[in-house]
Structure formats: C-alpha cells, structure tokens
Protein backbone atom coordinates (compact mmCIF):
# COMPACT_ATOMS: atom_id res chain seq x y z
CA UNK A 1 261.47 -83.66 169.55
CA UNK A 2 260.76 -86.54 167.16
CA UNK A 3 258.51 -89.53 167.76
CA UNK A 4 261.36 -91.84 168.71
CA UNK A 5 262.53 -89.47 171.46
CA UNK A 6 258.98 -89.02 172.75
CA UNK A 7 258.58 -92.79 172.97
CA UNK A 8 261.95 -93.10 174.71
CA UNK A 9 260.89 -90.57 177.35
CA UNK A 10 257.54 -92.35 177.69
CA UNK A 11 259.02 -95.73 178.57
CA UNK A 12 259.95 -94.58 182.08
CA UNK A 13 256.64 -93.09 183.25
CA UNK A 14 254.56 -95.80 181.57
CA UNK A 15 256.73 -98.62 182.88
CA UNK A 16 256.87 -97.07 186.35
CA UNK A 17 253.08 -96.71 186.39
CA UNK A 18 252.68 -100.33 185.29
CA UNK A 19 255.01 -101.52 188.06
CA UNK A 20 253.12 -99.26 190.46
CA UNK A 21 249.85 -100.97 189.58
CA UNK A 22 251.49 -104.27 190.47
CA UNK A 23 253.27 -103.01 193.58
CA UNK A 24 250.36 -101.09 195.09
CA UNK A 25 248.03 -104.07 195.64
CA UNK A 26 250.95 -106.06 197.10
CA UNK A 27 251.68 -103.26 199.58
CA UNK A 28 247.98 -102.85 200.37
CA UNK A 29 247.67 -106.54 201.23
CA UNK A 30 250.94 -106.69 203.23
CA UNK A 31 250.96 -103.37 205.08
CA UNK A 32 248.24 -101.54 206.96
CA UNK A 33 246.60 -98.36 205.65
CA UNK A 34 248.29 -96.58 208.58
CA UNK A 35 251.77 -97.55 207.31
CA UNK A 36 250.88 -96.46 203.78
CA UNK A 37 249.77 -93.16 205.30
CA UNK A 38 253.14 -92.83 207.04
CA UNK A 39 254.97 -93.49 203.78
CA UNK A 40 252.88 -90.72 202.26
CA UNK A 41 254.16 -88.33 204.94
CA UNK A 42 257.72 -89.24 203.92
CA UNK A 43 256.91 -88.33 200.32
CA UNK A 44 255.37 -85.07 201.52
CA UNK A 45 258.56 -84.06 203.34
CA UNK A 46 260.86 -85.11 200.48
CA UNK A 47 258.81 -83.15 197.95
CA UNK A 48 258.88 -80.10 200.24
CA UNK A 49 262.66 -80.31 200.55
CA UNK A 50 263.07 -80.52 196.77
CA UNK A 51 260.83 -77.54 196.10
CA UNK A 52 262.23 -75.37 198.89
CA UNK A 53 265.96 -76.07 198.60
CA UNK A 54 266.07 -76.17 194.80
CA UNK A 55 265.34 -72.44 195.16
CA UNK A 56 263.59 -72.47 191.78
CA UNK A 57 266.99 -72.80 190.11
CA UNK A 58 266.11 -76.18 188.64
CA UNK A 59 263.53 -74.38 186.51
CA UNK A 60 266.06 -71.66 185.70
CA UNK A 61 268.37 -74.41 184.39
CA UNK A 62 265.61 -75.59 182.03
CA UNK A 63 264.90 -72.03 180.92
CA UNK A 64 268.52 -71.11 180.16
CA UNK A 65 269.91 -74.43 178.89
CA UNK A 66 269.55 -73.67 175.18
CA UNK A 67 270.96 -70.14 175.57
CA UNK A 68 274.17 -70.97 177.49
CA UNK A 69 277.32 -72.54 176.02
CA UNK A 70 278.97 -73.64 179.30
CA UNK A 71 276.56 -76.41 180.36
CA UNK A 72 278.72 -77.76 183.26
CA UNK A 73 279.07 -74.22 184.62
CA UNK A 74 275.31 -73.76 184.36
CA UNK A 75 274.73 -76.99 186.33
CA UNK A 76 277.14 -75.94 189.07
CA UNK A 77 275.61 -72.46 189.30
CA UNK A 78 272.10 -73.82 189.93
CA UNK A 79 273.12 -76.70 192.23
CA UNK A 80 275.48 -75.10 194.75
CA UNK A 81 273.22 -72.47 196.43
CA UNK A 82 270.42 -74.85 197.32
CA UNK A 83 272.74 -77.66 198.37
CA UNK A 84 274.57 -75.46 200.87
CA UNK A 85 271.30 -74.29 202.42
CA UNK A 86 270.05 -77.90 202.53
CA UNK A 87 273.15 -78.99 204.47
CA UNK A 88 272.63 -76.20 207.00
CA UNK A 89 268.96 -77.12 207.43
CA UNK A 90 269.65 -80.85 207.88
CA UNK A 91 272.37 -80.09 210.43
CA UNK A 92 269.90 -77.96 212.40
CA UNK A 93 267.33 -80.77 212.26
CA UNK A 94 269.89 -83.29 213.49
CA UNK A 95 270.81 -81.08 216.46
CA UNK A 96 267.20 -80.31 217.44
CA UNK A 97 265.82 -81.90 220.64
CA UNK A 98 262.64 -83.15 218.96
CA UNK A 99 262.10 -86.55 217.39
CA UNK A 100 261.44 -85.87 213.71
CA UNK A 101 260.11 -89.38 213.13
CA UNK A 102 257.77 -88.97 216.09
CA UNK A 103 256.33 -85.76 214.70
CA UNK A 104 255.89 -87.11 211.16
CA UNK A 105 255.17 -90.80 211.60
CA UNK A 106 253.99 -91.13 215.19
CA UNK A 107 256.99 -93.44 215.87
CA UNK A 108 260.01 -92.28 217.87
CA UNK A 109 262.93 -93.90 216.01
CA UNK A 110 266.48 -92.77 215.28
CA UNK A 111 266.56 -95.19 212.33
CA UNK A 112 263.49 -93.62 210.72
CA UNK A 113 264.89 -90.12 211.20
CA UNK A 114 268.18 -91.15 209.58
CA UNK A 115 266.44 -92.80 206.65
CA UNK A 116 264.36 -89.68 206.13
CA UNK A 117 267.48 -87.47 205.93
CA UNK A 118 269.09 -89.92 203.49
CA UNK A 119 265.96 -89.92 201.32
CA UNK A 120 266.02 -86.11 201.11
CA UNK A 121 269.71 -85.91 200.14
CA UNK A 122 269.43 -88.66 197.52
CA UNK A 123 266.34 -87.06 196.00
CA UNK A 124 267.99 -83.63 195.87
CA UNK A 125 271.00 -84.93 193.92
CA UNK A 126 268.80 -86.99 191.62
CA UNK A 127 266.60 -84.00 190.85
CA UNK A 128 269.43 -81.96 189.33
CA UNK A 129 271.09 -84.91 187.60
CA UNK A 130 267.78 -85.83 185.96
CA UNK A 131 267.62 -82.35 184.41
CA UNK A 132 270.74 -83.15 182.39
CA UNK A 133 269.14 -86.17 180.72
CA UNK A 134 265.91 -84.27 180.21
CA UNK A 135 267.47 -81.28 178.51
CA UNK A 136 269.83 -83.38 176.39
CA UNK A 137 266.75 -85.35 175.23
CA UNK A 138 268.31 -88.65 176.33
CA UNK A 139 264.95 -90.28 176.75
CA UNK A 140 265.95 -93.92 177.14
CA UNK A 141 268.56 -93.23 179.83
CA UNK A 142 266.04 -91.06 181.68
CA UNK A 143 263.40 -93.77 181.43
CA UNK A 144 265.68 -96.52 182.72
CA UNK A 145 266.64 -94.34 185.67
CA UNK A 146 262.94 -94.13 186.57
CA UNK A 147 262.01 -97.72 185.76
CA UNK A 148 264.74 -99.81 187.40
CA UNK A 149 264.30 -98.35 190.94
CA UNK A 150 260.57 -99.13 190.78
CA UNK A 151 261.48 -102.68 189.83
CA UNK A 152 263.93 -102.85 192.75
CA UNK A 153 261.24 -101.63 195.16
CA UNK A 154 258.85 -104.32 193.92
CA UNK A 155 261.53 -107.01 194.29
CA UNK A 156 262.26 -105.91 197.87
CA UNK A 157 258.57 -105.95 198.82
CA UNK A 158 258.11 -109.41 197.26
CA UNK A 159 261.24 -110.45 199.13
CA UNK A 160 259.56 -109.42 202.37
CA UNK A 161 256.63 -111.67 201.46
CA UNK A 162 258.88 -114.62 200.53
CA UNK A 163 261.07 -114.32 203.63
CA UNK A 164 258.12 -113.72 205.93
CA UNK A 165 259.56 -110.40 207.11
CA UNK A 166 257.53 -108.31 209.52
CA UNK A 167 255.06 -105.98 207.83
CA UNK A 168 256.26 -102.92 209.75
CA UNK A 169 256.81 -99.37 208.59
CA UNK A 170 260.59 -99.54 209.08
CA UNK A 171 260.83 -102.23 206.39
CA UNK A 172 258.57 -100.29 204.03
CA UNK A 173 260.65 -97.14 204.43
CA UNK A 174 263.91 -99.06 204.00
CA UNK A 175 262.66 -100.43 200.68
CA UNK A 176 261.81 -96.91 199.56
CA UNK A 177 265.25 -95.52 200.48
CA UNK A 178 267.01 -98.40 198.69
CA UNK A 179 265.01 -97.57 195.57
CA UNK A 180 266.04 -93.90 195.86
CA UNK A 181 269.66 -95.04 196.17
CA UNK A 182 269.31 -96.90 192.88
CA UNK A 183 267.92 -93.74 191.25
CA UNK A 184 270.93 -91.77 192.45
CA UNK A 185 273.45 -94.37 191.24
CA UNK A 186 271.86 -94.58 187.79
CA UNK A 187 271.68 -90.81 187.35
CA UNK A 188 275.28 -90.42 188.55
CA UNK A 189 276.53 -92.94 186.00
CA UNK A 190 274.43 -91.70 183.08
CA UNK A 191 275.47 -88.06 183.59
CA UNK A 192 279.12 -88.58 184.59
CA UNK A 193 280.39 -86.75 181.48
CA UNK A 194 278.43 -83.68 182.54
CA UNK A 195 278.78 -83.40 186.32
CA UNK A 196 282.46 -84.34 186.53
CA UNK A 197 283.52 -81.27 184.46
CA UNK A 198 281.21 -79.17 186.65
CA UNK A 199 283.39 -79.97 189.67
CA UNK A 200 286.27 -77.87 188.35
CA UNK A 201 284.53 -75.33 186.13
CA UNK A 202 283.99 -71.75 187.22
CA UNK A 203 280.62 -70.12 187.75
CA UNK A 204 279.46 -67.17 185.68
CA UNK A 205 278.37 -64.91 188.55
CA UNK A 206 276.46 -62.51 186.30
CA UNK A 207 274.49 -65.39 184.78
CA UNK A 208 273.92 -66.94 188.20
CA UNK A 209 272.54 -63.65 189.54
CA UNK A 210 270.24 -63.38 186.52
CA UNK A 211 268.94 -66.90 187.16
CA UNK A 212 268.45 -66.17 190.85
CA UNK A 213 266.35 -63.11 189.96
CA UNK A 214 264.33 -65.29 187.59
CA UNK A 215 263.95 -67.98 190.25
CA UNK A 216 263.08 -65.83 193.27
CA UNK A 217 259.33 -65.75 192.47
CA UNK A 218 259.55 -69.48 191.74
CA UNK A 219 260.72 -70.14 195.31
CA UNK A 220 257.48 -68.74 196.65
CA UNK A 221 255.40 -70.41 193.97
CA UNK A 222 257.29 -73.66 194.59
CA UNK A 223 256.51 -73.64 198.30
CA UNK A 224 252.94 -72.62 197.56
CA UNK A 225 252.69 -75.41 194.99
CA UNK A 226 254.02 -77.89 197.54
CA UNK A 227 251.33 -76.75 199.95
CA UNK A 228 248.79 -77.04 197.19
CA UNK A 229 249.75 -80.64 196.38
CA UNK A 230 250.30 -81.84 199.94
CA UNK A 231 247.88 -79.81 202.06
CA UNK A 232 245.20 -82.47 201.63
CA UNK A 233 247.55 -85.05 203.17
CA UNK A 234 248.62 -82.72 205.99
CA UNK A 235 245.00 -81.93 206.86
CA UNK A 236 244.15 -85.65 206.77
CA UNK A 237 247.07 -86.28 209.13
CA UNK A 238 245.84 -83.63 211.59
CA UNK A 239 242.04 -83.74 211.20
CA UNK A 240 241.54 -87.43 210.46
CA UNK A 241 243.53 -90.67 210.84
CA UNK A 242 246.51 -92.45 209.28
CA UNK A 243 243.97 -94.96 207.94
CA UNK A 244 242.08 -92.28 205.97
CA UNK A 245 245.42 -90.90 204.81
CA UNK A 246 246.41 -94.37 203.60
CA UNK A 247 243.14 -94.86 201.70
CA UNK A 248 243.53 -91.43 200.10
CA UNK A 249 247.13 -92.17 199.15
CA UNK A 250 246.10 -95.40 197.44
CA UNK A 251 243.42 -93.52 195.51
CA UNK A 252 245.96 -90.93 194.39
CA UNK A 253 248.34 -93.70 193.35
CA UNK A 254 245.62 -95.36 191.30
CA UNK A 255 245.21 -92.16 189.33
CA UNK A 256 248.21 -93.63 187.55
CA UNK A 257 247.14 -92.95 183.98
CA UNK A 258 246.89 -89.23 184.68
CA UNK A 259 250.22 -89.20 186.51
CA UNK A 260 251.90 -90.90 183.55
CA UNK A 261 250.42 -88.29 181.21
CA UNK A 262 251.65 -85.49 183.46
CA UNK A 263 255.14 -86.98 183.76
CA UNK A 264 255.57 -87.50 180.02
CA UNK A 265 254.18 -84.13 178.98
CA UNK A 266 255.98 -82.10 181.65
CA UNK A 267 259.29 -83.78 180.82
CA UNK A 268 259.00 -83.15 177.09
CA UNK A 269 257.08 -79.87 176.87
CA UNK A 270 259.31 -77.36 178.67
CA UNK A 271 262.50 -78.03 176.67
CA UNK A 272 260.57 -78.15 173.39
CA UNK A 273 258.44 -75.03 173.84
CA UNK A 274 261.38 -72.86 174.96
CA UNK A 275 263.37 -74.10 171.98
CA UNK A 276 260.43 -73.11 169.75
CA UNK A 277 260.22 -69.70 171.44
CA UNK A 278 263.96 -69.13 170.94
CA UNK A 279 263.57 -69.93 167.23
CA UNK A 280 260.49 -67.72 166.84
CA UNK A 281 258.06 -70.53 166.01
CA UNK A 282 254.52 -69.50 165.00
CA UNK A 283 252.30 -69.33 168.15
CA UNK A 284 249.57 -71.33 166.38
CA UNK A 285 251.80 -74.38 166.63
CA UNK A 286 251.77 -74.05 170.42
CA UNK A 287 248.01 -73.46 170.44
CA UNK A 288 247.50 -76.70 168.52
CA UNK A 289 249.32 -78.54 171.29
CA UNK A 290 246.84 -77.05 173.81
CA UNK A 291 243.93 -78.61 171.87
CA UNK A 292 245.59 -82.01 171.81
CA UNK A 293 246.28 -81.84 175.55
CA UNK A 294 242.64 -80.90 176.21
CA UNK A 295 241.49 -83.88 174.16
CA UNK A 296 243.87 -86.14 176.10
CA UNK A 297 242.46 -84.85 179.41
CA UNK A 298 238.91 -85.63 178.26
CA UNK A 299 239.96 -89.10 177.11
CA UNK A 300 241.89 -90.05 180.27
CA UNK A 301 239.35 -88.69 182.75
CA UNK A 302 236.40 -90.26 180.92
CA UNK A 303 238.04 -93.68 180.66
CA UNK A 304 238.88 -93.54 184.36
CA UNK A 305 235.22 -92.81 185.12
CA UNK A 306 234.09 -95.72 182.95
CA UNK A 307 236.43 -98.28 184.52
CA UNK A 308 237.15 -97.12 188.09
CA UNK A 309 235.13 -100.07 189.44
CA UNK A 310 237.99 -102.40 188.43
CA UNK A 311 240.10 -101.42 191.47
CA UNK A 312 237.65 -103.12 193.84
CA UNK A 313 238.78 -106.50 192.49
CA UNK A 314 242.47 -105.98 193.27
CA UNK A 315 242.40 -104.22 196.66
CA UNK A 316 241.37 -105.43 200.14
CA UNK A 317 237.76 -104.64 201.20
CA UNK A 318 238.80 -101.68 203.38
CA UNK A 319 239.77 -99.80 200.19
CA UNK A 320 236.33 -99.97 198.53
CA UNK A 321 235.96 -96.16 198.47
CA UNK A 322 239.10 -95.80 196.33
CA UNK A 323 237.08 -96.30 193.12
CA UNK A 324 235.19 -93.06 193.76
CA UNK A 325 237.94 -90.97 195.34
CA UNK A 326 240.41 -91.55 192.50
CA UNK A 327 238.19 -89.68 190.00
CA UNK A 328 238.49 -86.46 191.99
CA UNK A 329 242.14 -87.23 192.72
CA UNK A 330 242.83 -87.24 188.98
CA UNK A 331 242.04 -83.52 188.85
CA UNK A 332 245.48 -82.64 190.21
CA UNK A 333 247.69 -84.19 187.48
CA UNK A 334 245.23 -83.44 184.68
CA UNK A 335 244.66 -79.77 185.54
CA UNK A 336 248.36 -79.30 186.20
CA UNK A 337 249.30 -80.83 182.84
CA UNK A 338 246.71 -78.76 181.02
CA UNK A 339 247.99 -75.61 182.74
CA UNK A 340 251.53 -76.47 181.58
CA UNK A 341 250.31 -76.12 177.99
CA UNK A 342 247.88 -73.22 178.40
CA UNK A 343 250.14 -71.28 180.80
CA UNK A 344 253.19 -71.39 178.54
CA UNK A 345 253.04 -67.63 177.94
CA UNK A 346 254.08 -67.00 181.56
CA UNK A 347 257.40 -68.73 181.00
CA UNK A 348 257.97 -67.30 177.54
CA UNK A 349 257.48 -63.77 178.85
CA UNK A 350 259.40 -64.57 182.07
CA UNK A 351 256.48 -63.26 184.16
CA UNK A 352 256.85 -65.91 186.87
CA UNK A 353 255.00 -63.80 189.46
CA UNK A 354 251.79 -65.01 187.86
CA UNK A 355 252.75 -68.60 188.62
CA UNK A 356 253.21 -67.53 192.22
CA UNK A 357 249.81 -65.81 192.21
CA UNK A 358 248.10 -68.92 190.81
CA UNK A 359 249.70 -71.15 193.43
CA UNK A 360 248.91 -68.81 196.34
CA UNK A 361 245.25 -68.32 195.44
CA UNK A 362 244.77 -72.06 194.89
CA UNK A 363 246.58 -72.74 198.17
CA UNK A 364 244.13 -70.59 200.13
CA UNK A 365 241.15 -72.27 198.47
CA UNK A 366 242.64 -75.70 199.18
CA UNK A 367 243.15 -74.85 202.85
CA UNK A 368 239.58 -73.60 203.30
CA UNK A 369 238.06 -76.54 201.40
CA UNK A 370 240.10 -79.15 203.30
CA UNK A 371 239.34 -77.55 206.65
CA UNK A 372 235.61 -77.65 205.91
CA UNK A 373 235.32 -80.98 204.07
CA UNK A 374 237.80 -83.40 205.69
CA UNK A 375 236.09 -83.50 209.14
CA UNK A 376 232.85 -84.47 207.35
CA UNK A 377 233.96 -86.64 204.43
CA UNK A 378 237.50 -87.75 205.32
CA UNK A 379 239.54 -88.86 202.30
CA UNK A 380 236.70 -87.94 199.93
CA UNK A 381 236.72 -84.39 201.29
CA UNK A 382 240.46 -84.11 200.71
CA UNK A 383 239.99 -85.20 197.09
CA UNK A 384 237.27 -82.62 196.52
CA UNK A 385 239.29 -79.79 198.05
CA UNK A 386 242.32 -80.62 195.93
CA UNK A 387 240.22 -80.86 192.75
CA UNK A 388 238.64 -77.44 193.27
CA UNK A 389 241.98 -75.83 194.11
CA UNK A 390 243.71 -77.19 191.02
CA UNK A 391 240.94 -75.97 188.77
CA UNK A 392 241.54 -72.46 190.11
CA UNK A 393 245.31 -72.94 189.64
CA UNK A 394 244.75 -73.98 186.02
CA UNK A 395 242.30 -71.13 185.30
CA UNK A 396 244.59 -68.38 186.66
CA UNK A 397 247.63 -69.64 184.71
CA UNK A 398 245.54 -69.97 181.56
CA UNK A 399 244.07 -66.47 181.77
CA UNK A 400 247.42 -64.89 182.63
CA UNK A 401 249.09 -66.60 179.68
CA UNK A 402 246.36 -65.45 177.32
CA UNK A 403 246.78 -61.84 178.44
CA UNK A 404 250.59 -61.78 178.60
CA UNK A 405 251.41 -63.69 175.42
CA UNK A 406 248.83 -64.64 172.78
CA UNK A 407 245.07 -64.72 173.16
CA UNK A 408 243.54 -68.12 172.38
CA UNK A 409 240.07 -69.72 172.37
CA UNK A 410 239.22 -71.18 175.79
CA UNK A 411 235.44 -71.60 176.12
CA UNK A 412 235.34 -75.11 174.63
CA UNK A 413 238.15 -76.24 176.91
CA UNK A 414 236.57 -74.72 180.03
CA UNK A 415 233.23 -76.33 179.22
CA UNK A 416 234.60 -79.86 179.14
CA UNK A 417 236.92 -79.63 182.15
CA UNK A 418 234.19 -78.08 184.29
CA UNK A 419 231.79 -80.86 183.30
CA UNK A 420 234.35 -83.51 184.19
CA UNK A 421 235.15 -81.76 187.46
CA UNK A 422 231.49 -81.65 188.52
CA UNK A 423 231.01 -85.32 187.58
CA UNK A 424 234.00 -86.35 189.69
CA UNK A 425 232.70 -84.41 192.71
CA UNK A 426 229.23 -85.96 192.40
CA UNK A 427 230.59 -89.50 192.06
CA UNK A 428 232.89 -88.85 195.02
CA UNK A 429 229.86 -88.24 197.24
CA UNK A 430 227.11 -90.38 195.71
CA UNK A 431 227.24 -93.98 194.46
CA UNK A 432 225.33 -93.58 191.18
CA UNK A 433 226.01 -97.13 189.99
CA UNK A 434 225.92 -97.86 186.26
CA UNK A 435 224.80 -94.29 185.55
CA UNK A 436 228.42 -93.28 186.19
CA UNK A 437 229.62 -95.36 183.23
CA UNK A 438 226.90 -93.93 180.99
CA UNK A 439 227.72 -90.31 181.90
CA UNK A 440 231.43 -90.66 181.28
CA UNK A 441 230.84 -92.51 178.01
CA UNK A 442 228.66 -89.67 176.75
CA UNK A 443 231.24 -87.06 177.74
CA UNK A 444 233.93 -89.00 175.91
CA UNK A 445 231.89 -89.25 172.70
CA UNK A 446 230.98 -85.56 172.77
CA UNK A 447 234.61 -84.67 173.37
CA UNK A 448 235.78 -86.68 170.37
CA UNK A 449 233.22 -84.86 168.21
CA UNK A 450 234.02 -81.39 169.61
CA UNK A 451 237.73 -81.94 168.93
CA UNK A 452 237.09 -83.73 165.66
CA UNK A 453 240.16 -82.37 163.89
CA UNK A 454 242.50 -83.40 166.68
CA UNK A 455 240.78 -86.79 167.00
CA UNK A 456 241.25 -87.50 163.30
CA UNK A 457 244.89 -86.43 163.38
CA UNK A 458 245.62 -88.57 166.44
CA UNK A 459 243.81 -91.54 164.89
CA UNK A 460 245.63 -91.09 161.61
CA UNK A 461 248.98 -90.87 163.38
CA UNK A 462 248.36 -94.14 165.24
CA UNK A 463 247.11 -95.94 162.10
CA UNK A 464 250.14 -94.84 160.05
CA UNK A 465 252.56 -95.92 162.76
CA UNK A 466 250.88 -99.32 163.08
CA UNK A 467 250.84 -99.80 159.32
CA UNK A 468 254.52 -98.96 159.05
CA UNK A 469 255.26 -101.34 161.92
CA UNK A 470 253.38 -104.17 160.18
CA UNK A 471 255.23 -103.55 156.92
CA UNK A 472 258.55 -103.62 158.75
CA UNK A 473 257.68 -106.88 160.52
CA UNK A 474 256.51 -108.54 157.32
CA UNK A 475 259.64 -107.53 155.44
C-alpha cells in the first residue's frame, strides 16, 4: 500500500478523532456523567453483537479476499450465517417479558429498546460493507464514511444546545442512532457495485465451510475479546455507579491519539501483510514494521504522559481525574495495535486457537483485577485492570507468533512497554505533579535513541515529503 493510500485511510480516523475531541467536551458540559455512562453501555452491547453474530467470518473475509476470484460470492458467504442468527436473537429479545432498556440503562422505555435494536442492525450491516472498502484499498471512501457521521453527531448535539432541547439520555441516544444511519447509507452507496451482485450470486459451499472452520476459534476469541474490552465497563456498572462509568468513558475517549493509531494500523495492516505472505515476502520486512510500531507506541504514550494535564482545561471540574486515568486507558489500543504486528504469525499460519488462548487468559486476569480494584479505586481501578490484562494479551500473541512463524528480538520492546505500563499505573494512583512530565520526557528520549535507525528513517521520510510538498507549492 503506497503513501497516498495510507494517507487516504488515515483521514477518517484522524478526522473522527479530531471531531471527537470537539464533541466530547460539548457532551460533557450538556449531559451528566450518568448519561454518558448509559451511552457507554449502548456501545458495549453493540460491540458484543458485532463480535458474536459476525461469527468470526468478517476476519475470514479479510483472510481469503486475495485468494478468491468471486468477491460478491465471498461477501454473501460470510454475511448470511451471522445475519440469520442475529434476526433470531433480536426476535427473541423483542418477545421477552423483560425491559431491555431497564436492564442496561436503568430506564424502562420502549423507545430506548427500539433504538438499541436499530443501532445493532445498522452496525452489523456497516461492519461487512466496510470490509469491502478496506480490502479494495479505497481509503478516501472509507474515511468519508467514518468522518461524515461524526460530523452529523456533532451537528445534532450543537442543535440540541441551540434549540434548548432537554439534556436527557433519549436525545443523546437518538443522535447516536442517526449517526449510525448515516454510516449505513454511505457504506451502502459506496459499495453498491459489490453488494448488489452478491444478492443473486451463488455461494461456494466448500469455501464457506473452510471459512467457517477457520472462523470457529475466532468466535470464542471474539467473545473473549469483547469481554476483555468491555468487562471494565460492566464491572463499573455493577460494582460502582453510572457517574464513575461516565468518567471512565470520557477518559477512554480522550485516549484518542492511541485509538487513531489503532484504527489506521489495523485497517491497513491485515490486507497488506496477508498479501505479502501470499507473495512470499521476506519476513525481515514484517519484522521491520514491528520496530516502527514499537517506536510509535513509545512516542504516543510518552506524549500523552507529558500533556495529559491539558484535558483539565476543557472538561467540567467533576472530570479532573480523567488526566490520570487516560494514561492507563491508553494501554488497550496501544497493546492491541502492537500485538497486531507482533502476532502476525498466528494469522499467517492459520493457528487462530492461540488468539483464543490469549483472549481467554487476559479475560480471566481482567475479571480478577476489576473485581479487586474497582470497589477500592472506581474508574482508576478499571483502567488498571484493563491495562494489565492487555499486556498479557499482547505478550501471549507475541510469544505464540515467535514460536509458530519466525523468531524475532523482543527484549528491547518488552523493556519499554513494561516501563510505560508501570508509569501509567503509578500516575493513575498518585499525583506526582511535574515529575510526571519529566519521567515521560526521559522515556521518550531514550526510546528515540534505542530505536535510532527507525527514528532516522521516520524523520527522513517526513523531511523528504515536506520538501517535495514545498517544491510543488513553489512551482
């Protein structure tokens, strides 16, 4: 994937993160932490539905895309099984005697329950349609599909402020569902030449069965991964309050730089690395990417530690603890992204059981840590539990990849990420003042020296691009 395509894919996550940094303070000032906590529970349920009902076949689509000629047939083969099961599950939920909104949001409302079902269905369709743009390397279309709904959400929230609408959870959830509707419409239009032929094409049953066998371990690992990424929020909901859940959710949202990095890398890496593997590319090329990703993790985490105090100037006083919690909250996207590069051997060798093992072990650790820490530290405890669990997740995937595929040097990488992990846990518990800035600055400088070759290459790449841009503008 060339630089232009990488930049095209980057526009969406970067733009969405920028809009998020604008939207989040607006929501924090308009809506209560309890309502933000309820919105987080919606996201928890939607993410669970995507992971469970995709049946791991979304990842099978990515794995097989470059090795299958009938792309519409491939799309239909991975979409139909999960969609049928989703319809059955939603019908059962609709016929159940319990109030789903009451269980999740503490508000008994038919409207909220209906909006939740709509959010799940829209997200499910959008998930599979987005894979088409991703695998065809249509970066700009993919980015616009991510960016415009965020803009719509911001406009709706500002509209609430302008019209003086009630700052109630129903309005916040309605804005979110309208944004998801925009995502679905954009993906449907941008992929119409791909999904329309899929309506009438036939399914290769042999290929579908092969993909199902590949995906079966991914179902378990997907559910385990969902638990790993949402258990902190579920424990906060049950062991603490909606207010603590809201504060934690804001902290996670402010880990925006790391989330952008994860989104860009995860979107680009899987199609590229499997294409390299299919062509028999030298493994050293993949190992070089691991070093660059490690350097990026050091850079992002250190800069966050140096400037986390900025959030206190843009949030209400009740969110003062966000500046400390977000450093531990960054462990999730950073460790996950790093494991995507270091754990590539699992996918290349199709040994997906090791992904399941990593997720299950980390899930158990997350459960124990949250159960012990949240009653004492609240949102800070949830951040610590998640950080520890994702380090274990990253370590297991890394070691499995090294054993299954190609052995690679890991001590330097482990040294830096462990140091950053410990720093984030300390800062999460103790206000160390200006010492925090000094510590993270030192780690950043040492990291640039330790990865001197990668630092020089990255610097040289940026300088060349800027120089070429200046020449083009002057001419």
